[in-house]
Amino acid sequence: MADTLPDIIAERLAVVFCGINPGMTAAAEGHHFAGRNNRFWRVLHLAGFTPAEIRPQDDRTILRHGYGLTAVVDRPTARADQLSAQEFIAAATHFEQKIERYAPRFVGFLGKAAYAALSGRRDIAWGPQPTAFGNAAVWVLPNPSGRNRAFTLDQLVTAYHQLYLAAGQGRPSV
């Protein structure tokens, strides 16, 4: 099994989607959001980011659409709650430097936990945030993990579509 999961990132992307950390299945397979219950690829497609649903093994093709993938903490775990506060603190500076270096227009945090740990804020709303991170606009999205059943597929698609529109990738629907 891999010790981590490499970023899929390039300079000046429209959005870099940022997970908390890689899941065990994703790290073992070497592909982002590879867990069979993870809804990320389906949501991304249905929200308008990709013309077809990308398969996890084709995750690198996301770059063709102007988007990238990364995680705050590199260490894979079965559940995000297995990460310590110290791991977020240790990762914070490197992560912010990565965002500054690649200069995406938006960082889309998948879930509130990673952004809360990096920003020190606890009162985080879904959607756009008032403060940039690494010079990128911040958007907090519901986590598409199969473990997060607080959001239906339709609710996830609606939330992600708002970022799609804000990133200027589509036109508002009538």
Protein backbone atom coordinates (compact mmCIF):
# COMPACT_ATOMS: atom_id res chain seq x y z
CA MET A 1 0.00 0.00 0.00
CA ALA A 2 1.15 3.55 -0.73
CA ASP A 3 2.16 5.82 2.13
CA THR A 4 0.33 8.71 0.50
CA LEU A 5 -1.52 9.74 -2.63
CA PRO A 6 0.16 12.12 -5.08
CA ASP A 7 -1.51 15.43 -5.86
CA ILE A 8 -3.03 16.01 -9.25
CA ILE A 9 -2.27 19.67 -9.66
CA ALA A 10 -0.98 22.25 -12.12
CA GLU A 11 -0.53 26.01 -12.12
CA ARG A 12 -3.46 28.42 -12.40
CA LEU A 13 -6.32 25.94 -12.31
CA ALA A 14 -9.86 27.20 -11.83
CA VAL A 15 -10.39 25.02 -8.73
CA VAL A 16 -8.25 22.72 -6.63
CA PHE A 17 -10.49 20.35 -4.69
CA CYS A 18 -8.98 19.66 -1.31
CA GLY A 19 -9.82 16.63 0.78
CA ILE A 20 -8.91 16.23 4.42
CA ASN A 21 -6.58 13.28 3.70
CA PRO A 22 -6.53 10.22 1.45
CA GLY A 23 -8.74 7.28 2.31
CA MET A 24 -7.18 3.85 2.64
CA THR A 25 -8.73 2.55 -0.59
CA ALA A 26 -7.60 5.59 -2.58
CA ALA A 27 -4.04 5.28 -1.25
CA ALA A 28 -3.94 1.53 -1.90
CA GLU A 29 -5.21 1.92 -5.47
CA GLY A 30 -3.21 5.09 -6.14
CA HIS A 31 -6.25 7.04 -7.31
CA HIS A 32 -8.26 9.82 -5.71
CA PHE A 33 -11.80 9.09 -4.46
CA ALA A 34 -11.50 5.40 -5.33
CA GLY A 35 -13.75 4.13 -2.55
CA ARG A 36 -16.79 2.47 -4.11
CA ASN A 37 -19.20 4.54 -2.00
CA ASN A 38 -17.49 7.88 -2.61
CA ARG A 39 -19.72 10.19 -4.61
CA PHE A 40 -17.06 12.75 -5.66
CA TRP A 41 -16.76 11.83 -9.35
CA ARG A 42 -20.52 11.52 -9.86
CA VAL A 43 -21.18 14.83 -8.08
CA LEU A 44 -18.47 16.61 -10.06
CA HIS A 45 -20.05 15.47 -13.32
CA LEU A 46 -23.63 16.21 -12.32
CA ALA A 47 -22.62 19.68 -11.04
CA GLY A 48 -21.20 20.54 -14.47
CA PHE A 49 -17.45 20.33 -13.86
CA THR A 50 -16.89 17.43 -16.28
CA PRO A 51 -18.80 16.39 -19.42
CA ALA A 52 -18.78 12.74 -18.28
CA GLU A 53 -18.22 10.95 -15.00
CA ILE A 54 -14.50 10.32 -14.53
CA ARG A 55 -13.51 6.89 -13.26
CA PRO A 56 -11.11 6.92 -10.29
CA GLN A 57 -8.43 5.18 -12.36
CA ASP A 58 -8.63 8.12 -14.81
CA ASP A 59 -8.37 10.74 -12.07
CA ARG A 60 -5.50 12.59 -13.79
CA THR A 61 -7.85 13.59 -16.62
CA ILE A 62 -9.41 16.15 -14.27
CA LEU A 63 -6.55 18.46 -15.22
CA ARG A 64 -7.93 18.66 -18.78
CA HIS A 65 -11.00 20.39 -17.36
CA GLY A 66 -9.04 22.95 -15.35
CA TYR A 67 -9.30 21.34 -11.93
CA GLY A 68 -6.93 19.63 -9.53
CA LEU A 69 -6.91 17.41 -6.45
CA THR A 70 -4.96 17.55 -3.20
CA ALA A 71 -5.34 16.88 0.52
CA VAL A 72 -4.34 18.86 3.59
CA VAL A 73 -2.76 15.90 5.39
CA ASP A 74 -0.90 13.29 3.33
CA ARG A 75 -1.34 10.32 5.70
CA PRO A 76 -4.09 7.92 4.62
CA THR A 77 -6.63 6.82 7.23
CA ALA A 78 -9.86 4.85 7.24
CA ARG A 79 -11.68 7.85 8.78
CA ALA A 80 -10.77 11.53 8.95
CA ASP A 81 -11.32 11.56 12.71
CA GLN A 82 -8.20 9.40 13.02
CA LEU A 83 -6.08 12.47 12.28
CA SER A 84 -4.72 14.52 15.17
CA ALA A 85 -4.80 18.30 15.55
CA GLN A 86 -1.00 18.15 15.48
CA GLU A 87 -1.07 16.63 11.99
CA PHE A 88 -3.11 19.57 10.71
CA ILE A 89 -0.79 22.05 12.41
CA ALA A 90 2.25 20.32 10.93
CA ALA A 91 0.71 20.32 7.44
CA ALA A 92 -0.63 23.90 7.46
CA THR A 93 2.42 25.85 6.29
CA HIS A 94 3.35 23.38 3.55
CA PHE A 95 -0.24 23.26 2.35
CA GLU A 96 -0.58 27.05 2.18
CA GLN A 97 2.73 27.27 0.27
CA LYS A 98 1.42 24.69 -2.19
CA ILE A 99 -1.69 26.75 -2.86
CA GLU A 100 0.38 29.92 -3.26
CA ARG A 101 2.76 28.17 -5.65
CA TYR A 102 0.08 26.67 -7.92
CA ALA A 103 -2.23 29.73 -7.67
CA PRO A 104 -5.67 28.23 -8.33
CA ARG A 105 -8.53 30.73 -8.42
CA PHE A 106 -10.49 28.68 -5.87
CA VAL A 107 -9.70 26.08 -3.24
CA GLY A 108 -12.73 23.88 -2.68
CA PHE A 109 -12.41 22.28 0.76
CA LEU A 110 -14.39 19.03 0.94
CA GLY A 111 -15.94 19.31 4.36
CA LYS A 112 -15.53 21.84 7.13
CA ALA A 113 -12.93 19.96 9.21
CA ALA A 114 -9.83 20.69 7.16
CA TYR A 115 -10.66 24.35 6.64
CA ALA A 116 -11.53 24.75 10.33
CA ALA A 117 -8.18 23.25 11.32
CA LEU A 118 -6.26 25.50 8.92
CA SER A 119 -8.16 28.71 9.58
CA GLY A 120 -8.70 28.31 13.32
CA ARG A 121 -12.36 29.19 12.76
CA ARG A 122 -15.26 27.13 14.06
CA ASP A 123 -18.16 29.18 12.67
CA ILE A 124 -17.86 28.01 9.09
CA ALA A 125 -20.81 28.17 6.72
CA TRP A 126 -21.11 26.14 3.55
CA GLY A 127 -20.08 27.95 0.40
CA PRO A 128 -17.81 30.95 -0.11
CA GLN A 129 -15.64 32.10 2.79
CA PRO A 130 -14.75 35.71 3.64
CA THR A 131 -11.00 35.10 3.75
CA ALA A 132 -8.68 33.83 1.02
CA PHE A 133 -6.23 31.00 1.66
CA GLY A 134 -2.86 31.08 -0.08
CA ASN A 135 -4.25 33.89 -2.28
CA ALA A 136 -7.08 31.66 -3.54
CA ALA A 137 -10.77 32.22 -2.87
CA VAL A 138 -12.10 29.59 -0.47
CA TRP A 139 -15.27 27.57 -0.93
CA VAL A 140 -16.37 24.95 1.62
CA LEU A 141 -18.30 22.03 0.14
CA PRO A 142 -19.99 19.07 1.79
CA ASN A 143 -17.73 16.04 1.85
CA PRO A 144 -18.86 13.51 -0.81
CA SER A 145 -17.56 10.55 1.18
CA GLY A 146 -19.84 7.56 1.38
CA ARG A 147 -19.61 7.93 5.16
CA ASN A 148 -21.23 11.38 4.97
CA ARG A 149 -24.90 10.61 4.51
CA ALA A 150 -26.06 13.95 5.94
CA PHE A 151 -26.27 15.19 2.35
CA THR A 152 -28.26 13.60 -0.45
CA LEU A 153 -26.80 13.35 -3.92
CA ASP A 154 -29.04 16.23 -5.04
CA GLN A 155 -27.87 18.43 -2.16
CA LEU A 156 -24.23 17.70 -2.99
CA VAL A 157 -24.78 18.49 -6.67
CA THR A 158 -26.49 21.78 -5.81
CA ALA A 159 -23.65 22.82 -3.48
CA TYR A 160 -20.94 21.91 -6.01
CA HIS A 161 -22.82 23.58 -8.86
CA GLN A 162 -22.69 26.88 -6.98
CA LEU A 163 -18.88 26.69 -6.99
CA TYR A 164 -18.96 25.74 -10.66
CA LEU A 165 -20.90 28.92 -11.40
CA ALA A 166 -18.72 31.09 -9.13
CA ALA A 167 -15.58 29.80 -10.86
CA GLY A 168 -17.07 31.09 -14.10
CA GLN A 169 -17.21 27.65 -15.63
CA GLY A 170 -20.88 27.79 -16.50
CA ARG A 171 -23.85 30.06 -16.78
CA PRO A 172 -26.56 30.26 -14.16
CA SER A 173 -29.48 28.03 -14.99
CA VAL A 174 -32.85 29.68 -15.51
